[in-house]
PDB file of N, CA and C in Angstrom:
ATOM      1  N   MET A   1      20.447 -19.621  35.007  1.00  0.00           N
ATOM      2  CA  MET A   1      19.350 -19.259  34.149  1.00  0.00           C
ATOM      3  C   MET A   1      19.903 -19.018  32.761  1.00  0.00           C
ATOM      4  N   PRO A   2      19.223 -19.505  31.747  1.00  0.00           N
ATOM      5  CA  PRO A   2      19.706 -19.326  30.392  1.00  0.00           C
ATOM      6  C   PRO A   2      19.685 -17.877  29.900  1.00  0.00           C
ATOM      7  N   HIS A   3      18.638 -17.116  30.216  1.00  0.00           N
ATOM      8  CA  HIS A   3      18.654 -15.724  29.757  1.00  0.00           C
ATOM      9  C   HIS A   3      17.610 -14.878  30.503  1.00  0.00           C
ATOM     10  N   VAL A   4      17.891 -13.577  30.508  1.00  0.00           N
ATOM     11  CA  VAL A   4      16.949 -12.559  30.933  1.00  0.00           C
ATOM     12  C   VAL A   4      17.046 -11.449  29.891  1.00  0.00           C
ATOM     13  N   VAL A   5      15.906 -11.039  29.367  1.00  0.00           N
ATOM     14  CA  VAL A   5      15.862  -9.966  28.378  1.00  0.00           C
ATOM     15  C   VAL A   5      14.888  -8.926  28.891  1.00  0.00           C
ATOM     16  N   GLU A   6      15.329  -7.681  28.938  1.00  0.00           N
ATOM     17  CA  GLU A   6      14.459  -6.591  29.347  1.00  0.00           C
ATOM     18  C   GLU A   6      14.495  -5.516  28.279  1.00  0.00           C
ATOM     19  N   SER A   7      13.350  -4.836  28.141  1.00  0.00           N
ATOM     20  CA  SER A   7      13.245  -3.771  27.152  1.00  0.00           C
ATOM     21  C   SER A   7      12.593  -2.564  27.825  1.00  0.00           C
ATOM     22  N   TYR A   8      13.203  -1.422  27.670  1.00  0.00           N
ATOM     23  CA  TYR A   8      12.667  -0.156  28.154  1.00  0.00           C
ATOM     24  C   TYR A   8      12.488   0.720  26.926  1.00  0.00           C
ATOM     25  N   GLU A   9      11.277   1.156  26.671  1.00  0.00           N
ATOM     26  CA  GLU A   9      10.998   1.897  25.438  1.00  0.00           C
ATOM     27  C   GLU A   9      10.220   3.179  25.750  1.00  0.00           C
ATOM     28  N   LEU A  10      10.646   4.280  25.141  1.00  0.00           N
ATOM     29  CA  LEU A  10       9.939   5.545  25.226  1.00  0.00           C
ATOM     30  C   LEU A  10       9.266   5.804  23.899  1.00  0.00           C
ATOM     31  N   ARG A  11       7.979   6.196  23.953  1.00  0.00           N
ATOM     32  CA  ARG A  11       7.237   6.500  22.738  1.00  0.00           C
ATOM     33  C   ARG A  11       6.520   7.833  22.910  1.00  0.00           C
ATOM     34  N   GLU A  12       6.331   8.513  21.792  1.00  0.00           N
ATOM     35  CA  GLU A  12       5.552   9.734  21.807  1.00  0.00           C
ATOM     36  C   GLU A  12       4.074   9.350  21.825  1.00  0.00           C
ATOM     37  N   GLY A  13       3.347   9.902  22.775  1.00  0.00           N
ATOM     38  CA  GLY A  13       1.920   9.637  22.884  1.00  0.00           C
ATOM     39  C   GLY A  13       1.123  10.921  22.819  1.00  0.00           C
ATOM     40  N   ALA A  14      -0.207  10.782  22.799  1.00  0.00           N
ATOM     41  CA  ALA A  14      -1.087  11.944  22.707  1.00  0.00           C
ATOM     42  C   ALA A  14      -0.915  12.872  23.905  1.00  0.00           C
ATOM     43  N   GLY A  15      -0.732  12.306  25.090  1.00  0.00           N
ATOM     44  CA  GLY A  15      -0.613  13.125  26.299  1.00  0.00           C
ATOM     45  C   GLY A  15       0.802  13.369  26.731  1.00  0.00           C
ATOM     46  N   GLY A  16       1.776  12.970  25.944  1.00  0.00           N
ATOM     47  CA  GLY A  16       3.176  13.134  26.316  1.00  0.00           C
ATOM     48  C   GLY A  16       3.947  11.857  26.010  1.00  0.00           C
ATOM     49  N   THR A  17       4.989  11.648  26.742  1.00  0.00           N
ATOM     50  CA  THR A  17       5.837  10.472  26.530  1.00  0.00           C
ATOM     51  C   THR A  17       5.263   9.262  27.222  1.00  0.00           C
ATOM     52  N   GLU A  18       5.217   8.147  26.521  1.00  0.00           N
ATOM     53  CA  GLU A  18       4.778   6.876  27.089  1.00  0.00           C
ATOM     54  C   GLU A  18       6.009   6.008  27.339  1.00  0.00           C
ATOM     55  N   PHE A  19       5.975   5.304  28.441  1.00  0.00           N
ATOM     56  CA  PHE A  19       7.078   4.406  28.800  1.00  0.00           C
ATOM     57  C   PHE A  19       6.552   2.974  28.818  1.00  0.00           C
ATOM     58  N   LEU A  20       7.265   2.081  28.136  1.00  0.00           N
ATOM     59  CA  LEU A  20       6.868   0.676  28.097  1.00  0.00           C
ATOM     60  C   LEU A  20       8.021  -0.188  28.594  1.00  0.00           C
ATOM     61  N   TYR A  21       7.683  -1.115  29.453  1.00  0.00           N
ATOM     62  CA  TYR A  21       8.675  -2.072  29.959  1.00  0.00           C
ATOM     63  C   TYR A  21       8.168  -3.473  29.654  1.00  0.00           C
ATOM     64  N   SER A  22       9.083  -4.327  29.223  1.00  0.00           N
ATOM     65  CA  SER A  22       8.750  -5.744  29.087  1.00  0.00           C
ATOM     66  C   SER A  22       9.992  -6.550  29.458  1.00  0.00           C
ATOM     67  N   GLY A  23       9.745  -7.767  29.921  1.00  0.00           N
ATOM     68  CA  GLY A  23      10.839  -8.624  30.314  1.00  0.00           C
ATOM     69  C   GLY A  23      10.543 -10.080  30.035  1.00  0.00           C
ATOM     70  N   GLU A  24      11.590 -10.843  29.895  1.00  0.00           N
ATOM     71  CA  GLU A  24      11.466 -12.284  29.633  1.00  0.00           C
ATOM     72  C   GLU A  24      12.535 -13.004  30.427  1.00  0.00           C
ATOM     73  N   LEU A  25      12.125 -14.070  31.104  1.00  0.00           N
ATOM     74  CA  LEU A  25      13.042 -14.878  31.888  1.00  0.00           C
ATOM     75  C   LEU A  25      13.031 -16.284  31.311  1.00  0.00           C
ATOM     76  N   GLY A  26      14.150 -16.714  30.826  1.00  0.00           N
ATOM     77  CA  GLY A  26      14.272 -18.086  30.313  1.00  0.00           C
ATOM     78  C   GLY A  26      14.865 -18.996  31.360  1.00  0.00           C
ATOM     79  N   THR A  27      14.327 -20.192  31.472  1.00  0.00           N
ATOM     80  CA  THR A  27      14.810 -21.130  32.481  1.00  0.00           C
ATOM     81  C   THR A  27      15.182 -22.444  31.832  1.00  0.00           C
ATOM     82  N   ASP A  28      15.847 -23.268  32.604  1.00  0.00           N
ATOM     83  CA  ASP A  28      16.143 -24.642  32.189  1.00  0.00           C
ATOM     84  C   ASP A  28      15.882 -25.555  33.388  1.00  0.00           C
ATOM     85  N   LEU A  29      16.280 -26.744  33.323  1.00  0.00           N
ATOM     86  CA  LEU A  29      16.092 -27.726  34.385  1.00  0.00           C
ATOM     87  C   LEU A  29      14.629 -28.144  34.563  1.00  0.00           C
ATOM     88  N   TRP A  30      13.873 -28.070  33.509  1.00  0.00           N
ATOM     89  CA  TRP A  30      12.497 -28.578  33.463  1.00  0.00           C
ATOM     90  C   TRP A  30      11.649 -28.067  34.606  1.00  0.00           C
ATOM     91  N   ALA A  31      11.055 -28.961  35.394  1.00  0.00           N
ATOM     92  CA  ALA A  31      10.129 -28.574  36.456  1.00  0.00           C
ATOM     93  C   ALA A  31      10.820 -27.700  37.500  1.00  0.00           C
ATOM     94  N   LEU A  32      12.064 -27.981  37.811  1.00  0.00           N
ATOM     95  CA  LEU A  32      12.786 -27.160  38.784  1.00  0.00           C
ATOM     96  C   LEU A  32      12.934 -25.733  38.275  1.00  0.00           C
ATOM     97  N   GLY A  33      13.285 -25.579  37.017  1.00  0.00           N
ATOM     98  CA  GLY A  33      13.424 -24.245  36.433  1.00  0.00           C
ATOM     99  C   GLY A  33      12.097 -23.506  36.415  1.00  0.00           C
ATOM    100  N   THR A  34      11.022 -24.202  36.109  1.00  0.00           N
ATOM    101  CA  THR A  34       9.693 -23.587  36.110  1.00  0.00           C
ATOM    102  C   THR A  34       9.315 -23.147  37.513  1.00  0.00           C
ATOM    103  N   TRP A  35       9.583 -23.980  38.498  1.00  0.00           N
ATOM    104  CA  TRP A  35       9.310 -23.628  39.884  1.00  0.00           C
ATOM    105  C   TRP A  35      10.110 -22.401  40.304  1.00  0.00           C
ATOM    106  N   TRP A  36      11.389 -22.409  39.986  1.00  0.00           N
ATOM    107  CA  TRP A  36      12.278 -21.300  40.344  1.00  0.00           C
ATOM    108  C   TRP A  36      11.804 -20.001  39.715  1.00  0.00           C
ATOM    109  N   ALA A  37      11.450 -20.040  38.443  1.00  0.00           N
ATOM    110  CA  ALA A  37      10.980 -18.837  37.756  1.00  0.00           C
ATOM    111  C   ALA A  37       9.697 -18.315  38.407  1.00  0.00           C
ATOM    112  N   GLY A  38       8.830 -19.219  38.833  1.00  0.00           N
ATOM    113  CA  GLY A  38       7.605 -18.823  39.506  1.00  0.00           C
ATOM    114  C   GLY A  38       7.852 -18.134  40.822  1.00  0.00           C
ATOM    115  N   ARG A  39       8.938 -18.448  41.468  1.00  0.00           N
ATOM    116  CA  ARG A  39       9.308 -17.812  42.734  1.00  0.00           C
ATOM    117  C   ARG A  39      10.042 -16.485  42.523  1.00  0.00           C
ATOM    118  N   VAL A  40      10.902 -16.430  41.526  1.00  0.00           N
ATOM    119  CA  VAL A  40      11.768 -15.276  41.314  1.00  0.00           C
ATOM    120  C   VAL A  40      11.093 -14.173  40.499  1.00  0.00           C
ATOM    121  N   ALA A  41      10.350 -14.527  39.467  1.00  0.00           N
ATOM    122  CA  ALA A  41       9.774 -13.530  38.569  1.00  0.00           C
ATOM    123  C   ALA A  41       8.886 -12.514  39.294  1.00  0.00           C
ATOM    124  N   PRO A  42       7.970 -12.933  40.183  1.00  0.00           N
ATOM    125  CA  PRO A  42       7.152 -11.923  40.855  1.00  0.00           C
ATOM    126  C   PRO A  42       7.968 -10.952  41.720  1.00  0.00           C
ATOM    127  N   LEU A  43       9.006 -11.454  42.340  1.00  0.00           N
ATOM    128  CA  LEU A  43       9.885 -10.584  43.139  1.00  0.00           C
ATOM    129  C   LEU A  43      10.588  -9.566  42.254  1.00  0.00           C
ATOM    130  N   TRP A  44      11.068 -10.022  41.098  1.00  0.00           N
ATOM    131  CA  TRP A  44      11.757  -9.133  40.171  1.00  0.00           C
ATOM    132  C   TRP A  44      10.789  -8.105  39.609  1.00  0.00           C
ATOM    133  N   GLU A  45       9.575  -8.535  39.244  1.00  0.00           N
ATOM    134  CA  GLU A  45       8.591  -7.611  38.713  1.00  0.00           C
ATOM    135  C   GLU A  45       8.237  -6.519  39.734  1.00  0.00           C
ATOM    136  N   ARG A  46       8.109  -6.880  40.995  1.00  0.00           N
ATOM    137  CA  ARG A  46       7.836  -5.886  42.043  1.00  0.00           C
ATOM    138  C   ARG A  46       9.018  -4.922  42.199  1.00  0.00           C
ATOM    139  N   ALA A  47      10.234  -5.431  42.125  1.00  0.00           N
ATOM    140  CA  ALA A  47      11.427  -4.567  42.242  1.00  0.00           C
ATOM    141  C   ALA A  47      11.477  -3.579  41.083  1.00  0.00           C
ATOM    142  N   VAL A  48      11.206  -4.048  39.878  1.00  0.00           N
ATOM    143  CA  VAL A  48      11.200  -3.158  38.704  1.00  0.00           C
ATOM    144  C   VAL A  48      10.101  -2.112  38.851  1.00  0.00           C
ATOM    145  N   ALA A  49       8.899  -2.538  39.249  1.00  0.00           N
ATOM    146  CA  ALA A  49       7.788  -1.596  39.411  1.00  0.00           C
ATOM    147  C   ALA A  49       8.122  -0.525  40.445  1.00  0.00           C
ATOM    148  N   LYS A  50       8.702  -0.919  41.560  1.00  0.00           N
ATOM    149  CA  LYS A  50       9.078   0.037  42.600  1.00  0.00           C
ATOM    150  C   LYS A  50      10.106   1.039  42.078  1.00  0.00           C
ATOM    151  N   SER A  51      11.085   0.537  41.355  1.00  0.00           N
ATOM    152  CA  SER A  51      12.106   1.402  40.796  1.00  0.00           C
ATOM    153  C   SER A  51      11.503   2.388  39.781  1.00  0.00           C
ATOM    154  N   LEU A  52      10.625   1.893  38.929  1.00  0.00           N
ATOM    155  CA  LEU A  52      10.005   2.762  37.919  1.00  0.00           C
ATOM    156  C   LEU A  52       9.078   3.785  38.565  1.00  0.00           C
ATOM    157  N   ASP A  53       8.422   3.397  39.650  1.00  0.00           N
ATOM    158  CA  ASP A  53       7.591   4.364  40.374  1.00  0.00           C
ATOM    159  C   ASP A  53       8.428   5.520  40.877  1.00  0.00           C
ATOM    160  N   SER A  54       9.614   5.206  41.421  1.00  0.00           N
ATOM    161  CA  SER A  54      10.469   6.277  41.938  1.00  0.00           C
ATOM    162  C   SER A  54      10.999   7.148  40.807  1.00  0.00           C
ATOM    163  N   VAL A  55      11.251   6.566  39.641  1.00  0.00           N
ATOM    164  CA  VAL A  55      11.681   7.350  38.479  1.00  0.00           C
ATOM    165  C   VAL A  55      10.561   8.311  38.080  1.00  0.00           C
ATOM    166  N   GLN A  56       9.312   7.824  38.070  1.00  0.00           N
ATOM    167  CA  GLN A  56       8.190   8.682  37.692  1.00  0.00           C
ATOM    168  C   GLN A  56       8.013   9.821  38.690  1.00  0.00           C
ATOM    169  N   VAL A  57       8.107   9.524  39.970  1.00  0.00           N
ATOM    170  CA  VAL A  57       7.963  10.566  40.996  1.00  0.00           C
ATOM    171  C   VAL A  57       9.017  11.649  40.783  1.00  0.00           C
ATOM    172  N   GLU A  58      10.252  11.254  40.550  1.00  0.00           N
ATOM    173  CA  GLU A  58      11.330  12.229  40.339  1.00  0.00           C
ATOM    174  C   GLU A  58      11.118  13.000  39.039  1.00  0.00           C
ATOM    175  N   GLY A  59      10.699  12.330  37.982  1.00  0.00           N
ATOM    176  CA  GLY A  59      10.417  13.017  36.722  1.00  0.00           C
ATOM    177  C   GLY A  59       9.315  14.045  36.872  1.00  0.00           C
ATOM    178  N   ASP A  60       8.245  13.660  37.587  1.00  0.00           N
ATOM    179  CA  ASP A  60       7.149  14.597  37.839  1.00  0.00           C
ATOM    180  C   ASP A  60       7.612  15.786  38.671  1.00  0.00           C
ATOM    181  N   ARG A  61       8.448  15.505  39.663  1.00  0.00           N
ATOM    182  CA  ARG A  61       8.981  16.576  40.511  1.00  0.00           C
ATOM    183  C   ARG A  61       9.772  17.569  39.693  1.00  0.00           C
ATOM    184  N   ARG A  62      10.617  17.047  38.829  1.00  0.00           N
ATOM    185  CA  ARG A  62      11.453  17.929  37.995  1.00  0.00           C
ATOM    186  C   ARG A  62      10.617  18.715  36.985  1.00  0.00           C
ATOM    187  N   ALA A  63       9.511  18.122  36.547  1.00  0.00           N
ATOM    188  CA  ALA A  63       8.622  18.796  35.590  1.00  0.00           C
ATOM    189  C   ALA A  63       7.668  19.759  36.281  1.00  0.00           C
ATOM    190  N   GLY A  64       7.687  19.766  37.617  1.00  0.00           N
ATOM    191  CA  GLY A  64       6.809  20.662  38.357  1.00  0.00           C
ATOM    192  C   GLY A  64       5.370  20.195  38.400  1.00  0.00           C
ATOM    193  N   ILE A  65       5.191  18.890  38.276  1.00  0.00           N
ATOM    194  CA  ILE A  65       3.817  18.326  38.286  1.00  0.00           C
ATOM    195  C   ILE A  65       3.437  17.983  39.698  1.00  0.00           C
TER     196      ILE A  65
END
Protein backbone atom coordinates (compact mmCIF):
# COMPACT_ATOMS: atom_id res chain seq x y z
CA MET A 1 0.00 0.00 0.00
CA PRO A 2 1.36 3.42 -0.86
CA HIS A 3 0.23 5.17 2.33
CA VAL A 4 -1.95 5.28 5.40
CA VAL A 5 -2.51 8.59 7.18
CA GLU A 6 -4.39 8.88 10.46
CA SER A 7 -5.19 11.93 12.52
CA TYR A 8 -6.29 12.05 16.14
CA GLU A 9 -7.32 15.51 17.29
CA LEU A 10 -8.56 16.88 20.61
CA ARG A 11 -10.56 20.12 20.59
CA GLU A 12 -12.17 22.21 23.27
CA GLY A 13 -15.94 22.07 22.89
CA ALA A 14 -18.96 23.55 24.66
CA GLY A 15 -19.57 20.37 26.66
CA GLY A 16 -15.94 19.43 27.21
CA THR A 17 -13.24 17.91 25.07
CA GLU A 18 -14.12 16.73 21.57
CA PHE A 19 -12.19 13.95 19.89
CA LEU A 20 -11.90 13.73 16.12
CA TYR A 21 -10.47 10.85 14.13
CA SER A 22 -9.86 10.72 10.40
CA GLY A 23 -7.96 8.34 8.20
CA GLU A 24 -6.88 7.91 4.60
CA LEU A 25 -5.78 4.76 2.82
CA GLY A 26 -3.92 5.13 -0.44
CA THR A 27 -3.76 2.21 -2.83
CA ASP A 28 -2.12 1.27 -6.09
CA LEU A 29 -2.52 -1.55 -8.59
CA TRP A 30 -5.65 -0.02 -10.12
CA ALA A 31 -8.74 -2.24 -9.79
CA LEU A 32 -6.93 -4.72 -7.54
CA GLY A 33 -5.92 -1.94 -5.15
CA THR A 34 -9.45 -0.56 -5.12
CA TRP A 35 -10.85 -4.01 -4.38
CA TRP A 36 -8.31 -4.59 -1.61
CA ALA A 37 -9.05 -1.22 0.01
CA GLY A 38 -12.76 -2.03 -0.07
CA ARG A 39 -12.08 -5.22 1.86
CA VAL A 40 -9.54 -3.86 4.35
CA ALA A 41 -10.84 -0.36 5.14
CA PRO A 42 -14.11 -1.45 6.82
CA LEU A 43 -12.21 -3.92 9.01
CA TRP A 44 -9.72 -1.24 10.02
CA GLU A 45 -12.48 1.29 10.71
CA ARG A 46 -14.24 -1.21 13.01
CA ALA A 47 -10.97 -1.95 14.83
CA VAL A 48 -10.33 1.76 15.38
CA ALA A 49 -13.92 2.34 16.56
CA LYS A 50 -13.68 -0.56 19.02
CA SER A 51 -10.39 0.74 20.37
CA LEU A 52 -11.73 4.28 20.74
CA ASP A 53 -14.84 2.98 22.49
CA SER A 54 -12.65 1.29 25.09
CA VAL A 55 -10.64 4.50 25.54
CA GLN A 56 -13.88 6.42 26.15
CA VAL A 57 -15.14 3.86 28.66
CA GLU A 58 -11.87 4.07 30.60
CA GLY A 59 -11.81 7.87 30.44
CA ASP A 60 -15.38 8.03 31.74
CA ARG A 61 -14.50 5.58 34.50
CA ARG A 62 -11.55 7.67 35.60
CA ALA A 63 -13.68 10.83 35.50
CA GLY A 64 -16.32 9.15 37.66
CA ILE A 65 -18.99 9.36 34.96
